[in-house]
Amino acid sequence: MESFDADEAGAGAPAGRSPLIVTATLPPAEQAWLDGLRRTHFPPERNFLAAHVTLFHALPPFAEDEARALLARCCADHAPPEARLSGVMDLGKGTAFAIECAPLLALRDDIAEHFHGLLTAQDSHRPRLHVTVQNKVERAAARSLQTALEAAFRPRPFRFAGLALHRYRGGPWEGVAQCSFRGRGR
């Protein structure tokens, strides 16, 4: 089996050495709203990604074909999972919205089991689903935004649209594959 060190890959690495990121795709209305919050509250010099929900941070690049096939199969078999923005999350020097979605976490568990033995320590643990709208700011600025968002917050139901695979390119991500949920069950 080929070895992979996510810390050695990334910025400036050739595509074949760059880690792969798996995200859950937000529906258009939530994507637009959250991207707007990021434009308003994320430091502009660091805001080079659209709003996203990360499921895996660093799959090994040699698993790209396998990951593409698995994500396509998962999306073909699964209906869009019901989810909900459930609250404001304190990230210390940032702010996010927490997401509740048991079906997506179960699907992520299946993907993790498939890639068992290839996952980084970070990806070996089930994540707290969230979407970051602000990061790498002073603590006071983060707390101020959290207070404002909490005052206006209402739970927001939605369905995830699909799964996406990206290649880490030292900051911005390169799109590799995108699949839409279209199954009827699970």
C-alpha atoms as a PDB file:
ATOM      1  CA  MET A   1       0.000   0.000   0.000  1.00  0.00           C
ATOM      2  CA  GLU A   2       1.282   3.462  -0.914  1.00  0.00           C
ATOM      3  CA  SER A   3       1.982   5.810   2.005  1.00  0.00           C
ATOM      4  CA  PHE A   4       0.701   9.359   2.258  1.00  0.00           C
ATOM      5  CA  ASP A   5       1.522  12.172   4.663  1.00  0.00           C
ATOM      6  CA  ALA A   6      -1.077  14.959   4.480  1.00  0.00           C
ATOM      7  CA  ASP A   7       1.293  17.366   6.224  1.00  0.00           C
ATOM      8  CA  GLU A   8       3.882  17.014   3.445  1.00  0.00           C
ATOM      9  CA  ALA A   9       1.384  17.523   0.629  1.00  0.00           C
ATOM     10  CA  GLY A  10      -0.675  20.593  -0.251  1.00  0.00           C
ATOM     11  CA  ALA A  11       0.657  23.999  -1.235  1.00  0.00           C
ATOM     12  CA  GLY A  12       2.785  23.745  -4.318  1.00  0.00           C
ATOM     13  CA  ALA A  13       2.475  19.961  -4.425  1.00  0.00           C
ATOM     14  CA  PRO A  14       1.720  18.378  -7.784  1.00  0.00           C
ATOM     15  CA  ALA A  15      -1.880  17.219  -8.174  1.00  0.00           C
ATOM     16  CA  GLY A  16      -0.818  13.628  -7.536  1.00  0.00           C
ATOM     17  CA  ARG A  17       0.476  14.561  -4.067  1.00  0.00           C
ATOM     18  CA  SER A  18      -2.301  16.946  -2.971  1.00  0.00           C
ATOM     19  CA  PRO A  19      -4.783  15.633  -0.400  1.00  0.00           C
ATOM     20  CA  LEU A  20      -8.423  15.166  -1.322  1.00  0.00           C
ATOM     21  CA  ILE A  21     -11.251  16.841   0.593  1.00  0.00           C
ATOM     22  CA  VAL A  22     -14.820  15.539   0.715  1.00  0.00           C
ATOM     23  CA  THR A  23     -17.646  17.975   1.382  1.00  0.00           C
ATOM     24  CA  ALA A  24     -21.416  17.812   1.551  1.00  0.00           C
ATOM     25  CA  THR A  25     -22.999  20.177  -0.976  1.00  0.00           C
ATOM     26  CA  LEU A  26     -25.408  22.780   0.336  1.00  0.00           C
ATOM     27  CA  PRO A  27     -28.618  23.595  -1.581  1.00  0.00           C
ATOM     28  CA  PRO A  28     -28.565  26.862  -3.576  1.00  0.00           C
ATOM     29  CA  ALA A  29     -30.529  29.041  -1.114  1.00  0.00           C
ATOM     30  CA  GLU A  30     -28.361  28.086   1.880  1.00  0.00           C
ATOM     31  CA  GLN A  31     -25.197  28.317  -0.227  1.00  0.00           C
ATOM     32  CA  ALA A  32     -26.010  31.876  -1.294  1.00  0.00           C
ATOM     33  CA  TRP A  33     -26.972  32.995   2.219  1.00  0.00           C
ATOM     34  CA  LEU A  34     -23.886  31.477   3.867  1.00  0.00           C
ATOM     35  CA  ASP A  35     -21.545  32.758   1.133  1.00  0.00           C
ATOM     36  CA  GLY A  36     -22.957  36.232   1.812  1.00  0.00           C
ATOM     37  CA  LEU A  37     -22.187  35.886   5.516  1.00  0.00           C
ATOM     38  CA  ARG A  38     -18.653  34.758   4.678  1.00  0.00           C
ATOM     39  CA  ARG A  39     -18.132  37.760   2.383  1.00  0.00           C
ATOM     40  CA  THR A  40     -19.291  40.060   5.182  1.00  0.00           C
ATOM     41  CA  HIS A  41     -17.502  38.477   8.160  1.00  0.00           C
ATOM     42  CA  PHE A  42     -14.540  36.412   6.958  1.00  0.00           C
ATOM     43  CA  PRO A  43     -11.182  38.195   6.630  1.00  0.00           C
ATOM     44  CA  PRO A  44     -11.057  38.961   2.872  1.00  0.00           C
ATOM     45  CA  GLU A  45      -7.445  37.831   2.465  1.00  0.00           C
ATOM     46  CA  ARG A  46      -8.434  34.381   3.766  1.00  0.00           C
ATOM     47  CA  ASN A  47     -11.855  34.034   2.126  1.00  0.00           C
ATOM     48  CA  PHE A  48     -11.035  32.043  -1.001  1.00  0.00           C
ATOM     49  CA  LEU A  49     -13.515  29.191  -0.457  1.00  0.00           C
ATOM     50  CA  ALA A  50     -17.270  29.051  -0.768  1.00  0.00           C
ATOM     51  CA  ALA A  51     -19.243  28.040   2.320  1.00  0.00           C
ATOM     52  CA  HIS A  52     -18.859  24.291   2.795  1.00  0.00           C
ATOM     53  CA  VAL A  53     -19.411  21.354   5.140  1.00  0.00           C
ATOM     54  CA  THR A  54     -16.276  19.228   5.360  1.00  0.00           C
ATOM     55  CA  LEU A  55     -16.673  15.472   5.828  1.00  0.00           C
ATOM     56  CA  PHE A  56     -13.026  14.475   5.224  1.00  0.00           C
ATOM     57  CA  HIS A  57     -10.034  16.811   5.297  1.00  0.00           C
ATOM     58  CA  ALA A  58      -7.295  14.718   3.676  1.00  0.00           C
ATOM     59  CA  LEU A  59      -7.968  11.524   1.779  1.00  0.00           C
ATOM     60  CA  PRO A  60      -4.793  10.317   0.094  1.00  0.00           C
ATOM     61  CA  PRO A  61      -4.435  11.464  -3.526  1.00  0.00           C
ATOM     62  CA  PHE A  62      -3.837   7.917  -4.785  1.00  0.00           C
ATOM     63  CA  ALA A  63      -7.441   7.098  -3.738  1.00  0.00           C
ATOM     64  CA  GLU A  64      -8.944   9.638  -6.146  1.00  0.00           C
ATOM     65  CA  ASP A  65     -10.515   7.177  -8.600  1.00  0.00           C
ATOM     66  CA  GLU A  66     -11.855   5.081  -5.752  1.00  0.00           C
ATOM     67  CA  ALA A  67     -13.263   8.157  -3.999  1.00  0.00           C
ATOM     68  CA  ARG A  68     -14.950   9.381  -7.194  1.00  0.00           C
ATOM     69  CA  ALA A  69     -16.626   6.022  -7.720  1.00  0.00           C
ATOM     70  CA  LEU A  70     -17.691   5.668  -4.086  1.00  0.00           C
ATOM     71  CA  LEU A  71     -19.175   9.162  -3.850  1.00  0.00           C
ATOM     72  CA  ALA A  72     -21.089   8.639  -7.109  1.00  0.00           C
ATOM     73  CA  ARG A  73     -22.468   5.342  -5.822  1.00  0.00           C
ATOM     74  CA  CYS A  74     -23.431   6.878  -2.459  1.00  0.00           C
ATOM     75  CA  CYS A  75     -25.292   9.730  -4.153  1.00  0.00           C
ATOM     76  CA  ALA A  76     -27.067   7.355  -6.534  1.00  0.00           C
ATOM     77  CA  ASP A  77     -28.248   5.246  -3.595  1.00  0.00           C
ATOM     78  CA  HIS A  78     -29.238   7.974  -1.120  1.00  0.00           C
ATOM     79  CA  ALA A  79     -31.980  10.565  -1.100  1.00  0.00           C
ATOM     80  CA  PRO A  80     -30.990  14.121  -0.161  1.00  0.00           C
ATOM     81  CA  PRO A  81     -30.501  13.945   3.632  1.00  0.00           C
ATOM     82  CA  GLU A  82     -32.725  16.152   5.763  1.00  0.00           C
ATOM     83  CA  ALA A  83     -30.653  18.523   7.872  1.00  0.00           C
ATOM     84  CA  ARG A  84     -31.026  21.648   9.909  1.00  0.00           C
ATOM     85  CA  LEU A  85     -28.886  24.558  10.973  1.00  0.00           C
ATOM     86  CA  SER A  86     -29.318  24.152  14.703  1.00  0.00           C
ATOM     87  CA  GLY A  87     -27.366  26.957  16.345  1.00  0.00           C
ATOM     88  CA  VAL A  88     -24.386  29.286  16.381  1.00  0.00           C
ATOM     89  CA  MET A  89     -21.015  27.667  17.166  1.00  0.00           C
ATOM     90  CA  ASP A  90     -18.146  29.388  18.933  1.00  0.00           C
ATOM     91  CA  LEU A  91     -14.859  28.482  17.212  1.00  0.00           C
ATOM     92  CA  GLY A  92     -12.758  30.601  19.544  1.00  0.00           C
ATOM     93  CA  LYS A  93     -11.462  33.027  16.916  1.00  0.00           C
ATOM     94  CA  GLY A  94     -14.308  32.281  14.557  1.00  0.00           C
ATOM     95  CA  THR A  95     -17.993  31.558  14.161  1.00  0.00           C
ATOM     96  CA  ALA A  96     -19.950  28.767  12.507  1.00  0.00           C
ATOM     97  CA  PHE A  97     -23.440  27.338  12.328  1.00  0.00           C
ATOM     98  CA  ALA A  98     -23.898  23.864  13.784  1.00  0.00           C
ATOM     99  CA  ILE A  99     -25.702  21.364  11.581  1.00  0.00           C
ATOM    100  CA  GLU A 100     -27.763  18.377  12.694  1.00  0.00           C
ATOM    101  CA  CYS A 101     -27.990  15.595  10.130  1.00  0.00           C
ATOM    102  CA  ALA A 102     -27.935  12.003  11.368  1.00  0.00           C
ATOM    103  CA  PRO A 103     -28.335  10.512   7.855  1.00  0.00           C
ATOM    104  CA  LEU A 104     -25.283  12.400   6.547  1.00  0.00           C
ATOM    105  CA  LEU A 105     -23.224  11.301   9.543  1.00  0.00           C
ATOM    106  CA  ALA A 106     -24.277   7.686   8.937  1.00  0.00           C
ATOM    107  CA  LEU A 107     -23.249   7.996   5.285  1.00  0.00           C
ATOM    108  CA  ARG A 108     -19.949   9.557   6.365  1.00  0.00           C
ATOM    109  CA  ASP A 109     -19.420   6.593   8.712  1.00  0.00           C
ATOM    110  CA  ASP A 110     -19.883   4.233   5.737  1.00  0.00           C
ATOM    111  CA  ILE A 111     -17.337   6.193   3.689  1.00  0.00           C
ATOM    112  CA  ALA A 112     -14.907   6.194   6.642  1.00  0.00           C
ATOM    113  CA  GLU A 113     -15.291   2.431   6.961  1.00  0.00           C
ATOM    114  CA  HIS A 114     -14.583   2.044   3.252  1.00  0.00           C
ATOM    115  CA  PHE A 115     -11.350   4.046   3.595  1.00  0.00           C
ATOM    116  CA  HIS A 116     -10.353   2.463   6.916  1.00  0.00           C
ATOM    117  CA  GLY A 117      -6.580   2.420   7.229  1.00  0.00           C
ATOM    118  CA  LEU A 118      -6.160   5.399   4.879  1.00  0.00           C
ATOM    119  CA  LEU A 119      -7.629   8.098   7.108  1.00  0.00           C
ATOM    120  CA  THR A 120      -5.609  10.740   8.942  1.00  0.00           C
ATOM    121  CA  ALA A 121      -6.066  11.030  12.707  1.00  0.00           C
ATOM    122  CA  GLN A 122      -8.374  14.024  12.150  1.00  0.00           C
ATOM    123  CA  ASP A 123     -10.538  12.120   9.667  1.00  0.00           C
ATOM    124  CA  SER A 124     -10.687   9.011  11.855  1.00  0.00           C
ATOM    125  CA  HIS A 125     -13.134  10.806  14.160  1.00  0.00           C
ATOM    126  CA  ARG A 126     -16.725  11.712  13.385  1.00  0.00           C
ATOM    127  CA  PRO A 127     -16.917  15.490  12.854  1.00  0.00           C
ATOM    128  CA  ARG A 128     -19.268  18.014  14.386  1.00  0.00           C
ATOM    129  CA  LEU A 129     -21.048  19.119  11.237  1.00  0.00           C
ATOM    130  CA  HIS A 130     -20.839  22.854  10.718  1.00  0.00           C
ATOM    131  CA  VAL A 131     -20.325  25.610   8.210  1.00  0.00           C
ATOM    132  CA  THR A 132     -17.847  28.351   9.088  1.00  0.00           C
ATOM    133  CA  VAL A 133     -18.841  31.950   8.375  1.00  0.00           C
ATOM    134  CA  GLN A 134     -15.894  33.629  10.116  1.00  0.00           C
ATOM    135  CA  ASN A 135     -12.419  32.452  11.131  1.00  0.00           C
ATOM    136  CA  LYS A 136      -9.003  33.755  12.212  1.00  0.00           C
ATOM    137  CA  VAL A 137     -10.311  36.988  13.744  1.00  0.00           C
ATOM    138  CA  GLU A 138      -9.799  38.555  17.160  1.00  0.00           C
ATOM    139  CA  ARG A 139     -11.789  36.838  19.905  1.00  0.00           C
ATOM    140  CA  ALA A 140     -13.814  40.011  20.565  1.00  0.00           C
ATOM    141  CA  ALA A 141     -14.898  40.208  16.898  1.00  0.00           C
ATOM    142  CA  ALA A 142     -15.916  36.543  16.919  1.00  0.00           C
ATOM    143  CA  ARG A 143     -17.907  36.956  20.127  1.00  0.00           C
ATOM    144  CA  SER A 144     -19.624  40.066  18.738  1.00  0.00           C
ATOM    145  CA  LEU A 145     -20.738  38.214  15.606  1.00  0.00           C
ATOM    146  CA  GLN A 146     -21.903  35.227  17.655  1.00  0.00           C
ATOM    147  CA  THR A 147     -24.037  37.492  19.829  1.00  0.00           C
ATOM    148  CA  ALA A 148     -25.602  39.161  16.774  1.00  0.00           C
ATOM    149  CA  LEU A 149     -26.278  35.855  14.995  1.00  0.00           C
ATOM    150  CA  GLU A 150     -27.701  34.236  18.138  1.00  0.00           C
ATOM    151  CA  ALA A 151     -30.152  37.119  18.607  1.00  0.00           C
ATOM    152  CA  ALA A 152     -31.625  36.577  15.139  1.00  0.00           C
ATOM    153  CA  PHE A 153     -31.152  32.813  14.874  1.00  0.00           C
ATOM    154  CA  ARG A 154     -34.001  30.478  13.948  1.00  0.00           C
ATOM    155  CA  PRO A 155     -33.397  26.817  13.120  1.00  0.00           C
ATOM    156  CA  ARG A 156     -33.257  26.416   9.369  1.00  0.00           C
ATOM    157  CA  PRO A 157     -34.228  23.081   7.797  1.00  0.00           C
ATOM    158  CA  PHE A 158     -32.766  22.060   4.437  1.00  0.00           C
ATOM    159  CA  ARG A 159     -31.639  19.000   2.485  1.00  0.00           C
ATOM    160  CA  PHE A 160     -28.059  18.451   1.414  1.00  0.00           C
ATOM    161  CA  ALA A 161     -27.789  18.456  -2.380  1.00  0.00           C
ATOM    162  CA  GLY A 162     -24.866  16.060  -2.847  1.00  0.00           C
ATOM    163  CA  LEU A 163     -21.229  15.265  -2.202  1.00  0.00           C
ATOM    164  CA  ALA A 164     -18.142  16.873  -3.707  1.00  0.00           C
ATOM    165  CA  LEU A 165     -14.499  15.904  -4.004  1.00  0.00           C
ATOM    166  CA  HIS A 166     -11.804  18.588  -4.073  1.00  0.00           C
ATOM    167  CA  ARG A 167      -8.034  18.691  -4.307  1.00  0.00           C
ATOM    168  CA  TYR A 168      -6.257  20.874  -1.756  1.00  0.00           C
ATOM    169  CA  ARG A 169      -4.096  23.430  -3.554  1.00  0.00           C
ATOM    170  CA  GLY A 170      -2.519  25.353  -0.664  1.00  0.00           C
ATOM    171  CA  GLY A 171      -5.550  27.536   0.023  1.00  0.00           C
ATOM    172  CA  PRO A 172      -8.083  27.421  -2.793  1.00  0.00           C
ATOM    173  CA  TRP A 173      -9.429  24.000  -3.668  1.00  0.00           C
ATOM    174  CA  GLU A 174      -9.585  22.478  -7.122  1.00  0.00           C
ATOM    175  CA  GLY A 175     -12.892  20.787  -7.932  1.00  0.00           C
ATOM    176  CA  VAL A 176     -12.481  17.115  -8.811  1.00  0.00           C
ATOM    177  CA  ALA A 177     -16.011  15.667  -8.787  1.00  0.00           C
ATOM    178  CA  GLN A 178     -19.519  16.605  -7.748  1.00  0.00           C
ATOM    179  CA  CYS A 179     -22.457  14.218  -7.376  1.00  0.00           C
ATOM    180  CA  SER A 180     -26.102  14.952  -6.569  1.00  0.00           C
ATOM    181  CA  PHE A 181     -28.157  12.827  -4.202  1.00  0.00           C
ATOM    182  CA  ARG A 182     -30.825  11.119  -6.261  1.00  0.00           C
ATOM    183  CA  GLY A 183     -31.703   7.878  -4.502  1.00  0.00           C
ATOM    184  CA  ARG A 184     -35.006   7.134  -2.860  1.00  0.00           C
ATOM    185  CA  GLY A 185     -34.006   5.615   0.419  1.00  0.00           C
ATOM    186  CA  ARG A 186     -31.702   5.349   3.363  1.00  0.00           C
END
